[in-house]
PDB file of all heavy atoms in Angstrom:
ATOM      1  N   SER A   1       0.838  -1.217  -0.013  1.00  0.00           N
ATOM      2  CA  SER A   1       0.066   0.043   0.034  1.00  0.00           C
ATOM      3  C   SER A   1       0.874   1.246   0.036  1.00  0.00           C
ATOM      4  O   SER A   1       0.314   2.352  -0.227  1.00  0.00           O
ATOM      5  CB  SER A   1      -0.957  -0.069   1.265  1.00  0.00           C
ATOM      6  OG  SER A   1      -0.202  -0.098   2.401  1.00  0.00           O
ATOM      7  N   ASP A   2       2.135   1.131   0.339  1.00  0.00           N
ATOM      8  CA  ASP A   2       3.024   2.356   0.237  1.00  0.00           C
ATOM      9  C   ASP A   2       3.321   2.824  -1.075  1.00  0.00           C
ATOM     10  O   ASP A   2       3.874   3.885  -1.283  1.00  0.00           O
ATOM     11  CB  ASP A   2       4.294   2.056   1.131  1.00  0.00           C
ATOM     12  CG  ASP A   2       4.006   1.786   2.609  1.00  0.00           C
ATOM     13  OD1 ASP A   2       3.122   2.518   3.171  1.00  0.00           O
ATOM     14  OD2 ASP A   2       4.716   1.005   3.156  1.00  0.00           O
ATOM     15  N   ILE A   3       3.193   1.848  -2.065  1.00  0.00           N
ATOM     16  CA  ILE A   3       3.706   2.104  -3.417  1.00  0.00           C
ATOM     17  C   ILE A   3       2.864   3.416  -4.059  1.00  0.00           C
ATOM     18  O   ILE A   3       3.507   4.276  -4.581  1.00  0.00           O
ATOM     19  CB  ILE A   3       3.665   0.850  -4.327  1.00  0.00           C
ATOM     20  CG1 ILE A   3       4.613  -0.074  -3.795  1.00  0.00           C
ATOM     21  CG2 ILE A   3       3.888   1.216  -5.768  1.00  0.00           C
ATOM     22  CD1 ILE A   3       4.601  -1.514  -4.647  1.00  0.00           C
ATOM     23  N   LYS A   4       1.667   3.211  -3.962  1.00  0.00           N
ATOM     24  CA  LYS A   4       0.816   4.184  -4.722  1.00  0.00           C
ATOM     25  C   LYS A   4       1.118   5.707  -4.462  1.00  0.00           C
ATOM     26  O   LYS A   4       1.306   6.494  -5.264  1.00  0.00           O
ATOM     27  CB  LYS A   4      -0.678   3.909  -4.501  1.00  0.00           C
ATOM     28  CG  LYS A   4      -1.657   4.752  -5.298  1.00  0.00           C
ATOM     29  CD  LYS A   4      -3.063   4.403  -5.191  1.00  0.00           C
ATOM     30  CE  LYS A   4      -3.984   5.265  -6.066  1.00  0.00           C
ATOM     31  NZ  LYS A   4      -5.418   4.956  -5.824  1.00  0.00           N
ATOM     32  N   PRO A   5       1.086   6.062  -3.110  1.00  0.00           N
ATOM     33  CA  PRO A   5       1.324   7.452  -2.745  1.00  0.00           C
ATOM     34  C   PRO A   5       2.809   7.916  -3.052  1.00  0.00           C
ATOM     35  O   PRO A   5       3.068   9.097  -3.115  1.00  0.00           O
ATOM     36  CB  PRO A   5       1.218   7.526  -1.214  1.00  0.00           C
ATOM     37  CG  PRO A   5       1.290   6.069  -0.702  1.00  0.00           C
ATOM     38  CD  PRO A   5       0.854   5.218  -1.808  1.00  0.00           C
ATOM     39  N   LEU A   6       3.790   6.965  -3.359  1.00  0.00           N
ATOM     40  CA  LEU A   6       5.140   7.267  -3.595  1.00  0.00           C
ATOM     41  C   LEU A   6       5.408   7.307  -5.099  1.00  0.00           C
ATOM     42  O   LEU A   6       6.502   7.664  -5.531  1.00  0.00           O
ATOM     43  CB  LEU A   6       6.102   6.458  -2.859  1.00  0.00           C
ATOM     44  CG  LEU A   6       6.009   6.523  -1.431  1.00  0.00           C
ATOM     45  CD1 LEU A   6       7.044   5.490  -0.818  1.00  0.00           C
ATOM     46  CD2 LEU A   6       6.278   7.908  -0.844  1.00  0.00           C
ATOM     47  N   LEU A   7       4.475   6.946  -5.970  1.00  0.00           N
ATOM     48  CA  LEU A   7       4.659   6.967  -7.367  1.00  0.00           C
ATOM     49  C   LEU A   7       5.174   8.293  -7.940  1.00  0.00           C
ATOM     50  O   LEU A   7       5.986   8.510  -8.753  1.00  0.00           O
ATOM     51  CB  LEU A   7       3.567   6.303  -8.204  1.00  0.00           C
ATOM     52  CG  LEU A   7       3.433   4.857  -8.035  1.00  0.00           C
ATOM     53  CD1 LEU A   7       2.053   4.403  -8.666  1.00  0.00           C
ATOM     54  CD2 LEU A   7       4.519   3.990  -8.608  1.00  0.00           C
ATOM     55  N   SER A   8       4.362   9.312  -7.453  1.00  0.00           N
ATOM     56  CA  SER A   8       4.570  10.682  -8.023  1.00  0.00           C
ATOM     57  C   SER A   8       6.021  11.159  -7.585  1.00  0.00           C
ATOM     58  O   SER A   8       6.630  11.878  -8.269  1.00  0.00           O
ATOM     59  CB  SER A   8       3.536  11.658  -7.619  1.00  0.00           C
ATOM     60  OG  SER A   8       3.469  11.705  -6.100  1.00  0.00           O
ATOM     61  N   VAL A   9       6.327  10.763  -6.286  1.00  0.00           N
ATOM     62  CA  VAL A   9       7.603  11.295  -5.818  1.00  0.00           C
ATOM     63  C   VAL A   9       8.652  10.582  -6.630  1.00  0.00           C
ATOM     64  O   VAL A   9       9.745  11.284  -7.089  1.00  0.00           O
ATOM     65  CB  VAL A   9       7.757  10.871  -4.263  1.00  0.00           C
ATOM     66  CG1 VAL A   9       9.226  11.404  -3.768  1.00  0.00           C
ATOM     67  CG2 VAL A   9       6.649  11.386  -3.479  1.00  0.00           C
ATOM     68  N   ALA A  10       8.594   9.329  -6.900  1.00  0.00           N
ATOM     69  CA  ALA A  10       9.647   8.677  -7.685  1.00  0.00           C
ATOM     70  C   ALA A  10       9.557   9.036  -9.098  1.00  0.00           C
ATOM     71  O   ALA A  10      10.734   9.158  -9.633  1.00  0.00           O
ATOM     72  CB  ALA A  10       9.346   7.154  -7.673  1.00  0.00           C
ATOM     73  N   GLY A  11       8.472   9.432  -9.685  1.00  0.00           N
ATOM     74  CA  GLY A  11       8.365   9.894 -10.970  1.00  0.00           C
ATOM     75  C   GLY A  11       9.051  11.294 -11.174  1.00  0.00           C
ATOM     76  O   GLY A  11       9.837  11.522 -12.162  1.00  0.00           O
ATOM     77  N   SER A  12       8.875  12.160 -10.220  1.00  0.00           N
ATOM     78  CA  SER A  12       9.606  13.419 -10.193  1.00  0.00           C
ATOM     79  C   SER A  12      11.102  13.214  -9.970  1.00  0.00           C
ATOM     80  O   SER A  12      11.704  13.961 -10.738  1.00  0.00           O
ATOM     81  CB  SER A  12       9.128  14.274  -9.035  1.00  0.00           C
ATOM     82  OG  SER A  12       7.686  14.579  -9.123  1.00  0.00           O
ATOM     83  N   CYS A  13      11.588  12.271  -9.275  1.00  0.00           N
ATOM     84  CA  CYS A  13      13.012  12.014  -9.102  1.00  0.00           C
ATOM     85  C   CYS A  13      13.503  11.604 -10.466  1.00  0.00           C
ATOM     86  O   CYS A  13      14.569  11.972 -10.888  1.00  0.00           O
ATOM     87  CB  CYS A  13      13.210  11.047  -7.948  1.00  0.00           C
ATOM     88  SG  CYS A  13      12.951  11.655  -6.288  1.00  0.00           S
ATOM     89  N   ALA A  14      12.663  10.560 -11.058  1.00  0.00           N
ATOM     90  CA  ALA A  14      13.308  10.043 -12.299  1.00  0.00           C
ATOM     91  C   ALA A  14      13.393  11.137 -13.340  1.00  0.00           C
ATOM     92  O   ALA A  14      14.454  11.103 -14.159  1.00  0.00           O
ATOM     93  CB  ALA A  14      12.213   9.013 -12.824  1.00  0.00           C
ATOM     94  N   VAL A  15      12.376  12.103 -13.437  1.00  0.00           N
ATOM     95  CA  VAL A  15      12.452  13.126 -14.479  1.00  0.00           C
ATOM     96  C   VAL A  15      13.759  13.956 -14.238  1.00  0.00           C
ATOM     97  O   VAL A  15      14.501  14.319 -15.080  1.00  0.00           O
ATOM     98  CB  VAL A  15      11.161  13.969 -14.468  1.00  0.00           C
ATOM     99  CG1 VAL A  15      11.366  15.193 -15.343  1.00  0.00           C
ATOM    100  CG2 VAL A  15      10.073  13.106 -14.978  1.00  0.00           C
ATOM    101  N   MET A  16      13.916  14.408 -12.896  1.00  0.00           N
ATOM    102  CA  MET A  16      15.123  15.191 -12.558  1.00  0.00           C
ATOM    103  C   MET A  16      16.384  14.496 -12.829  1.00  0.00           C
ATOM    104  O   MET A  16      17.375  14.970 -13.377  1.00  0.00           O
ATOM    105  CB  MET A  16      14.975  15.544 -11.118  1.00  0.00           C
ATOM    106  CG  MET A  16      16.234  16.472 -10.591  1.00  0.00           C
ATOM    107  SD  MET A  16      16.548  17.990 -11.614  1.00  0.00           S
ATOM    108  CE  MET A  16      14.997  18.827 -11.509  1.00  0.00           C
ATOM    109  N   ILE A  17      16.380  13.167 -12.509  1.00  0.00           N
ATOM    110  CA  ILE A  17      17.666  12.354 -12.788  1.00  0.00           C
ATOM    111  C   ILE A  17      17.845  12.385 -14.359  1.00  0.00           C
ATOM    112  O   ILE A  17      19.129  12.509 -14.844  1.00  0.00           O
ATOM    113  CB  ILE A  17      17.511  10.951 -12.207  1.00  0.00           C
ATOM    114  CG1 ILE A  17      17.578  11.004 -10.748  1.00  0.00           C
ATOM    115  CG2 ILE A  17      18.669  10.079 -12.706  1.00  0.00           C
ATOM    116  CD1 ILE A  17      17.150   9.763 -10.049  1.00  0.00           C
ATOM    117  N   LEU A  18      16.873  12.038 -15.180  1.00  0.00           N
ATOM    118  CA  LEU A  18      17.012  12.072 -16.532  1.00  0.00           C
ATOM    119  C   LEU A  18      17.664  13.352 -17.141  1.00  0.00           C
ATOM    120  O   LEU A  18      18.575  13.373 -17.968  1.00  0.00           O
ATOM    121  CB  LEU A  18      15.663  11.728 -17.193  1.00  0.00           C
ATOM    122  CG  LEU A  18      15.204  10.342 -17.479  1.00  0.00           C
ATOM    123  CD1 LEU A  18      13.774  10.292 -17.948  1.00  0.00           C
ATOM    124  CD2 LEU A  18      16.071   9.713 -18.570  1.00  0.00           C
ATOM    125  N   THR A  19      17.031  14.456 -16.651  1.00  0.00           N
ATOM    126  CA  THR A  19      17.425  15.734 -17.103  1.00  0.00           C
ATOM    127  C   THR A  19      18.896  16.072 -16.741  1.00  0.00           C
ATOM    128  O   THR A  19      19.673  16.439 -17.632  1.00  0.00           O
ATOM    129  CB  THR A  19      16.400  16.846 -16.544  1.00  0.00           C
ATOM    130  OG1 THR A  19      15.111  16.358 -16.870  1.00  0.00           O
ATOM    131  CG2 THR A  19      16.659  18.148 -17.184  1.00  0.00           C
ATOM    132  N   GLN A  20      19.076  16.111 -15.420  1.00  0.00           N
ATOM    133  CA  GLN A  20      20.417  16.522 -14.915  1.00  0.00           C
ATOM    134  C   GLN A  20      21.544  15.631 -15.486  1.00  0.00           C
ATOM    135  O   GLN A  20      22.574  16.069 -15.854  1.00  0.00           O
ATOM    136  CB  GLN A  20      20.432  16.615 -13.443  1.00  0.00           C
ATOM    137  CG  GLN A  20      19.666  17.767 -12.850  1.00  0.00           C
ATOM    138  CD  GLN A  20      20.107  18.093 -11.337  1.00  0.00           C
ATOM    139  OE1 GLN A  20      19.682  19.209 -10.918  1.00  0.00           O
ATOM    140  NE2 GLN A  20      21.006  17.314 -10.910  1.00  0.00           N
ATOM    141  N   SER A  21      21.275  14.322 -15.329  1.00  0.00           N
ATOM    142  CA  SER A  21      22.362  13.341 -15.757  1.00  0.00           C
ATOM    143  C   SER A  21      22.767  13.459 -17.206  1.00  0.00           C
ATOM    144  O   SER A  21      23.895  13.412 -17.619  1.00  0.00           O
ATOM    145  CB  SER A  21      21.817  11.935 -15.337  1.00  0.00           C
ATOM    146  OG  SER A  21      21.559  11.834 -14.033  1.00  0.00           O
ATOM    147  N   ALA A  22      21.599  13.520 -17.997  1.00  0.00           N
ATOM    148  CA  ALA A  22      21.885  13.576 -19.500  1.00  0.00           C
ATOM    149  C   ALA A  22      22.624  14.784 -19.782  1.00  0.00           C
ATOM    150  O   ALA A  22      23.597  14.782 -20.614  1.00  0.00           O
ATOM    151  CB  ALA A  22      20.487  13.394 -20.302  1.00  0.00           C
ATOM    152  N   ALA A  23      22.129  15.910 -19.245  1.00  0.00           N
ATOM    153  CA  ALA A  23      22.782  17.245 -19.738  1.00  0.00           C
ATOM    154  C   ALA A  23      24.221  17.396 -19.155  1.00  0.00           C
ATOM    155  O   ALA A  23      25.193  17.650 -19.824  1.00  0.00           O
ATOM    156  CB  ALA A  23      22.056  18.386 -18.902  1.00  0.00           C
ATOM    157  N   THR A  24      24.529  16.767 -17.923  1.00  0.00           N
ATOM    158  CA  THR A  24      25.855  16.720 -17.394  1.00  0.00           C
ATOM    159  C   THR A  24      26.740  15.800 -18.271  1.00  0.00           C
ATOM    160  O   THR A  24      27.909  16.184 -18.530  1.00  0.00           O
ATOM    161  CB  THR A  24      25.859  16.338 -15.905  1.00  0.00           C
ATOM    162  OG1 THR A  24      25.004  17.162 -15.219  1.00  0.00           O
ATOM    163  CG2 THR A  24      27.231  16.441 -15.307  1.00  0.00           C
ATOM    164  N   SER A  25      26.311  14.657 -18.532  1.00  0.00           N
ATOM    165  CA  SER A  25      27.098  13.686 -19.324  1.00  0.00           C
ATOM    166  C   SER A  25      27.490  14.128 -20.617  1.00  0.00           C
ATOM    167  O   SER A  25      28.619  13.997 -21.176  1.00  0.00           O
ATOM    168  CB  SER A  25      26.348  12.342 -19.451  1.00  0.00           C
ATOM    169  OG  SER A  25      26.105  11.748 -18.337  1.00  0.00           O
ATOM    170  N   ARG A  26      26.407  14.902 -21.308  1.00  0.00           N
ATOM    171  CA  ARG A  26      26.772  15.413 -22.666  1.00  0.00           C
ATOM    172  C   ARG A  26      27.750  16.452 -22.581  1.00  0.00           C
ATOM    173  O   ARG A  26      28.670  16.466 -23.493  1.00  0.00           O
ATOM    174  CB  ARG A  26      25.496  16.046 -23.208  1.00  0.00           C
ATOM    175  CG  ARG A  26      24.375  15.007 -23.654  1.00  0.00           C
ATOM    176  CD  ARG A  26      23.055  15.706 -23.934  1.00  0.00           C
ATOM    177  NE  ARG A  26      22.033  14.783 -24.062  1.00  0.00           N
ATOM    178  CZ  ARG A  26      20.747  15.203 -24.197  1.00  0.00           C
ATOM    179  NH1 ARG A  26      20.402  16.434 -24.227  1.00  0.00           N
ATOM    180  NH2 ARG A  26      19.822  14.266 -24.425  1.00  0.00           N
ATOM    181  N   VAL A  27      27.859  17.353 -21.638  1.00  0.00           N
ATOM    182  CA  VAL A  27      28.820  18.337 -21.502  1.00  0.00           C
ATOM    183  C   VAL A  27      30.180  17.854 -21.462  1.00  0.00           C
ATOM    184  O   VAL A  27      31.095  18.222 -22.309  1.00  0.00           O
ATOM    185  CB  VAL A  27      28.485  19.312 -20.259  1.00  0.00           C
ATOM    186  CG1 VAL A  27      29.678  20.143 -19.966  1.00  0.00           C
ATOM    187  CG2 VAL A  27      27.227  20.108 -20.436  1.00  0.00           C
ATOM    188  N   TYR A  28      30.455  16.842 -20.591  1.00  0.00           N
ATOM    189  CA  TYR A  28      31.852  16.313 -20.487  1.00  0.00           C
ATOM    190  C   TYR A  28      32.229  15.324 -21.617  1.00  0.00           C
ATOM    191  O   TYR A  28      33.437  15.279 -22.034  1.00  0.00           O
ATOM    192  CB  TYR A  28      31.883  15.595 -19.046  1.00  0.00           C
ATOM    193  CG  TYR A  28      31.939  16.640 -17.988  1.00  0.00           C
ATOM    194  CD1 TYR A  28      30.808  16.981 -17.334  1.00  0.00           C
ATOM    195  CD2 TYR A  28      33.069  17.371 -17.735  1.00  0.00           C
ATOM    196  CE1 TYR A  28      30.701  17.916 -16.300  1.00  0.00           C
ATOM    197  CE2 TYR A  28      33.026  18.371 -16.687  1.00  0.00           C
ATOM    198  CZ  TYR A  28      31.841  18.638 -16.052  1.00  0.00           C
ATOM    199  OH  TYR A  28      31.857  19.569 -15.117  1.00  0.00           O
ATOM    200  N   ALA A  29      31.273  14.618 -22.072  1.00  0.00           N
ATOM    201  CA  ALA A  29      31.650  13.882 -23.350  1.00  0.00           C
ATOM    202  C   ALA A  29      31.971  14.689 -24.540  1.00  0.00           C
ATOM    203  O   ALA A  29      33.006  14.428 -25.309  1.00  0.00           O
ATOM    204  CB  ALA A  29      30.373  13.000 -23.759  1.00  0.00           C
ATOM    205  N   ALA A  30      31.261  15.828 -24.733  1.00  0.00           N
ATOM    206  CA  ALA A  30      31.586  16.744 -25.800  1.00  0.00           C
ATOM    207  C   ALA A  30      32.922  17.504 -25.496  1.00  0.00           C
ATOM    208  O   ALA A  30      33.761  17.663 -26.505  1.00  0.00           O
ATOM    209  CB  ALA A  30      30.460  17.829 -25.960  1.00  0.00           C
ATOM    210  N   ARG A  31      33.105  17.755 -24.270  1.00  0.00           N
ATOM    211  CA  ARG A  31      34.422  18.583 -23.916  1.00  0.00           C
ATOM    212  C   ARG A  31      35.656  17.655 -24.242  1.00  0.00           C
ATOM    213  O   ARG A  31      36.607  18.225 -24.742  1.00  0.00           O
ATOM    214  CB  ARG A  31      34.323  18.965 -22.417  1.00  0.00           C
ATOM    215  CG  ARG A  31      35.622  19.719 -21.965  1.00  0.00           C
ATOM    216  CD  ARG A  31      35.564  20.100 -20.646  1.00  0.00           C
ATOM    217  NE  ARG A  31      34.442  21.059 -20.389  1.00  0.00           N
ATOM    218  CZ  ARG A  31      33.859  21.357 -19.208  1.00  0.00           C
ATOM    219  NH1 ARG A  31      34.595  21.082 -18.041  1.00  0.00           N
ATOM    220  NH2 ARG A  31      32.947  22.268 -19.061  1.00  0.00           N
ATOM    221  N   TYR A  32      35.515  16.335 -23.918  1.00  0.00           N
ATOM    222  CA  TYR A  32      36.773  15.506 -24.146  1.00  0.00           C
ATOM    223  C   TYR A  32      36.574  14.527 -25.328  1.00  0.00           C
ATOM    224  O   TYR A  32      37.328  13.522 -25.484  1.00  0.00           O
ATOM    225  CB  TYR A  32      36.987  14.703 -22.821  1.00  0.00           C
ATOM    226  CG  TYR A  32      37.497  15.553 -21.665  1.00  0.00           C
ATOM    227  CD1 TYR A  32      36.464  16.046 -20.792  1.00  0.00           C
ATOM    228  CD2 TYR A  32      38.665  15.804 -21.555  1.00  0.00           C
ATOM    229  CE1 TYR A  32      36.950  16.874 -19.743  1.00  0.00           C
ATOM    230  CE2 TYR A  32      39.217  16.615 -20.617  1.00  0.00           C
ATOM    231  CZ  TYR A  32      38.335  17.118 -19.637  1.00  0.00           C
ATOM    232  OH  TYR A  32      38.634  17.894 -18.577  1.00  0.00           O
ATOM    233  N   HIS A  33      35.550  14.817 -26.329  1.00  0.00           N
ATOM    234  CA  HIS A  33      35.451  14.087 -27.466  1.00  0.00           C
ATOM    235  C   HIS A  33      35.293  12.622 -27.279  1.00  0.00           C
ATOM    236  O   HIS A  33      36.055  11.858 -27.790  1.00  0.00           O
ATOM    237  CB  HIS A  33      36.558  14.428 -28.435  1.00  0.00           C
ATOM    238  CG  HIS A  33      36.864  15.860 -28.573  1.00  0.00           C
ATOM    239  ND1 HIS A  33      35.937  16.697 -29.350  1.00  0.00           N
ATOM    240  CD2 HIS A  33      37.784  16.722 -28.188  1.00  0.00           C
ATOM    241  CE1 HIS A  33      36.502  17.894 -29.337  1.00  0.00           C
ATOM    242  NE2 HIS A  33      37.611  17.918 -28.736  1.00  0.00           N
ATOM    243  N   GLN A  34      34.486  12.364 -26.301  1.00  0.00           N
ATOM    244  CA  GLN A  34      34.292  10.881 -25.908  1.00  0.00           C
ATOM    245  C   GLN A  34      32.941  10.384 -26.232  1.00  0.00           C
ATOM    246  O   GLN A  34      31.979  11.137 -26.371  1.00  0.00           O
ATOM    247  CB  GLN A  34      34.489  10.658 -24.340  1.00  0.00           C
ATOM    248  CG  GLN A  34      35.969  10.877 -23.941  1.00  0.00           C
ATOM    249  CD  GLN A  34      36.166  10.799 -22.478  1.00  0.00           C
ATOM    250  OE1 GLN A  34      35.186  10.850 -21.680  1.00  0.00           O
ATOM    251  NE2 GLN A  34      37.424  10.834 -22.093  1.00  0.00           N
ATOM    252  N   ARG A  35      32.884   9.018 -26.488  1.00  0.00           N
ATOM    253  CA  ARG A  35      31.546   8.462 -26.937  1.00  0.00           C
ATOM    254  C   ARG A  35      30.716   8.385 -25.615  1.00  0.00           C
ATOM    255  O   ARG A  35      31.080   8.138 -24.623  1.00  0.00           O
ATOM    256  CB  ARG A  35      31.916   7.080 -27.437  1.00  0.00           C
ATOM    257  CG  ARG A  35      30.589   6.225 -27.763  1.00  0.00           C
ATOM    258  CD  ARG A  35      30.958   4.856 -28.355  1.00  0.00           C
ATOM    259  NE  ARG A  35      29.788   4.128 -28.448  1.00  0.00           N
ATOM    260  CZ  ARG A  35      29.303   3.303 -27.544  1.00  0.00           C
ATOM    261  NH1 ARG A  35      29.860   3.353 -26.394  1.00  0.00           N
ATOM    262  NH2 ARG A  35      28.223   2.580 -27.837  1.00  0.00           N
ATOM    263  N   LEU A  36      29.447   8.646 -25.877  1.00  0.00           N
ATOM    264  CA  LEU A  36      28.461   8.599 -24.733  1.00  0.00           C
ATOM    265  C   LEU A  36      27.219   7.827 -25.296  1.00  0.00           C
ATOM    266  O   LEU A  36      26.703   7.959 -26.300  1.00  0.00           O
ATOM    267  CB  LEU A  36      28.045  10.016 -24.356  1.00  0.00           C
ATOM    268  CG  LEU A  36      26.908  10.018 -23.215  1.00  0.00           C
ATOM    269  CD1 LEU A  36      27.527   9.501 -21.913  1.00  0.00           C
ATOM    270  CD2 LEU A  36      26.350  11.485 -23.136  1.00  0.00           C
ATOM    271  N   ASP A  37      26.766   6.752 -24.474  1.00  0.00           N
ATOM    272  CA  ASP A  37      25.564   6.026 -24.715  1.00  0.00           C
ATOM    273  C   ASP A  37      24.519   6.338 -23.684  1.00  0.00           C
ATOM    274  O   ASP A  37      24.577   5.773 -22.554  1.00  0.00           O
ATOM    275  CB  ASP A  37      25.969   4.467 -24.735  1.00  0.00           C
ATOM    276  CG  ASP A  37      24.782   3.616 -25.035  1.00  0.00           C
ATOM    277  OD1 ASP A  37      23.679   4.112 -25.107  1.00  0.00           O
ATOM    278  OD2 ASP A  37      25.082   2.438 -25.264  1.00  0.00           O
ATOM    279  N   GLU A  38      23.685   7.197 -23.964  1.00  0.00           N
ATOM    280  CA  GLU A  38      22.643   7.707 -22.946  1.00  0.00           C
ATOM    281  C   GLU A  38      21.749   6.611 -22.499  1.00  0.00           C
ATOM    282  O   GLU A  38      21.338   6.561 -21.333  1.00  0.00           O
ATOM    283  CB  GLU A  38      22.004   8.861 -23.600  1.00  0.00           C
ATOM    284  CG  GLU A  38      22.717  10.172 -23.784  1.00  0.00           C
ATOM    285  CD  GLU A  38      21.918  11.175 -24.422  1.00  0.00           C
ATOM    286  OE1 GLU A  38      20.934  11.079 -24.788  1.00  0.00           O
ATOM    287  OE2 GLU A  38      22.506  12.361 -24.353  1.00  0.00           O
ATOM    288  N   ASN A  39      21.503   5.573 -23.438  1.00  0.00           N
ATOM    289  CA  ASN A  39      20.553   4.581 -22.994  1.00  0.00           C
ATOM    290  C   ASN A  39      21.317   3.651 -22.028  1.00  0.00           C
ATOM    291  O   ASN A  39      20.708   3.140 -21.092  1.00  0.00           O
ATOM    292  CB  ASN A  39      20.088   3.778 -24.146  1.00  0.00           C
ATOM    293  CG  ASN A  39      18.994   4.492 -24.995  1.00  0.00           C
ATOM    294  OD1 ASN A  39      18.253   5.059 -24.429  1.00  0.00           O
ATOM    295  ND2 ASN A  39      19.107   4.516 -26.246  1.00  0.00           N
ATOM    296  N   GLN A  40      22.559   3.420 -22.258  1.00  0.00           N
ATOM    297  CA  GLN A  40      23.397   2.667 -21.300  1.00  0.00           C
ATOM    298  C   GLN A  40      23.432   3.392 -19.927  1.00  0.00           C
ATOM    299  O   GLN A  40      23.413   2.729 -18.915  1.00  0.00           O
ATOM    300  CB  GLN A  40      24.760   2.409 -21.885  1.00  0.00           C
ATOM    301  CG  GLN A  40      25.671   1.533 -20.977  1.00  0.00           C
ATOM    302  CD  GLN A  40      25.233   0.085 -20.913  1.00  0.00           C
ATOM    303  OE1 GLN A  40      24.545  -0.419 -21.931  1.00  0.00           O
ATOM    304  NE2 GLN A  40      25.346  -0.538 -19.717  1.00  0.00           N
ATOM    305  N   ASP A  41      23.604   4.581 -19.990  1.00  0.00           N
ATOM    306  CA  ASP A  41      23.554   5.523 -18.761  1.00  0.00           C
ATOM    307  C   ASP A  41      22.314   5.319 -17.921  1.00  0.00           C
ATOM    308  O   ASP A  41      22.365   5.361 -16.701  1.00  0.00           O
ATOM    309  CB  ASP A  41      23.927   6.959 -19.056  1.00  0.00           C
ATOM    310  CG  ASP A  41      25.275   7.300 -19.219  1.00  0.00           C
ATOM    311  OD1 ASP A  41      26.079   6.364 -18.969  1.00  0.00           O
ATOM    312  OD2 ASP A  41      25.572   8.427 -19.424  1.00  0.00           O
ATOM    313  N   LEU A  42      21.196   5.022 -18.677  1.00  0.00           N
ATOM    314  CA  LEU A  42      19.875   4.907 -17.969  1.00  0.00           C
ATOM    315  C   LEU A  42      19.940   3.588 -17.127  1.00  0.00           C
ATOM    316  O   LEU A  42      19.458   3.551 -16.088  1.00  0.00           O
ATOM    317  CB  LEU A  42      18.761   4.857 -18.925  1.00  0.00           C
ATOM    318  CG  LEU A  42      18.311   6.221 -19.423  1.00  0.00           C
ATOM    319  CD1 LEU A  42      17.084   6.030 -20.461  1.00  0.00           C
ATOM    320  CD2 LEU A  42      17.749   7.108 -18.230  1.00  0.00           C
ATOM    321  N   ILE A  43      20.686   2.552 -17.736  1.00  0.00           N
ATOM    322  CA  ILE A  43      20.893   1.319 -16.978  1.00  0.00           C
ATOM    323  C   ILE A  43      21.691   1.610 -15.816  1.00  0.00           C
ATOM    324  O   ILE A  43      21.402   0.998 -14.656  1.00  0.00           O
ATOM    325  CB  ILE A  43      21.474   0.236 -17.907  1.00  0.00           C
ATOM    326  CG1 ILE A  43      20.511  -0.045 -19.030  1.00  0.00           C
ATOM    327  CG2 ILE A  43      21.823  -0.989 -17.035  1.00  0.00           C
ATOM    328  CD1 ILE A  43      21.023  -1.179 -19.931  1.00  0.00           C
ATOM    329  N   GLY A  44      22.779   2.344 -15.994  1.00  0.00           N
ATOM    330  CA  GLY A  44      23.651   2.635 -14.868  1.00  0.00           C
ATOM    331  C   GLY A  44      22.964   3.447 -13.781  1.00  0.00           C
ATOM    332  O   GLY A  44      23.109   3.100 -12.526  1.00  0.00           O
TER     333      GLY A  44
END
């Protein structure tokens, strides 16, 4: 029964993680000309 009230919290966290992590990874991958697999980062 704890799952339902926490879905929105987890969803908000997931959106923030997606946004910040992707933006940050892209910056440093571009800076050092390195390959980046954003879908693999989602697994990580």
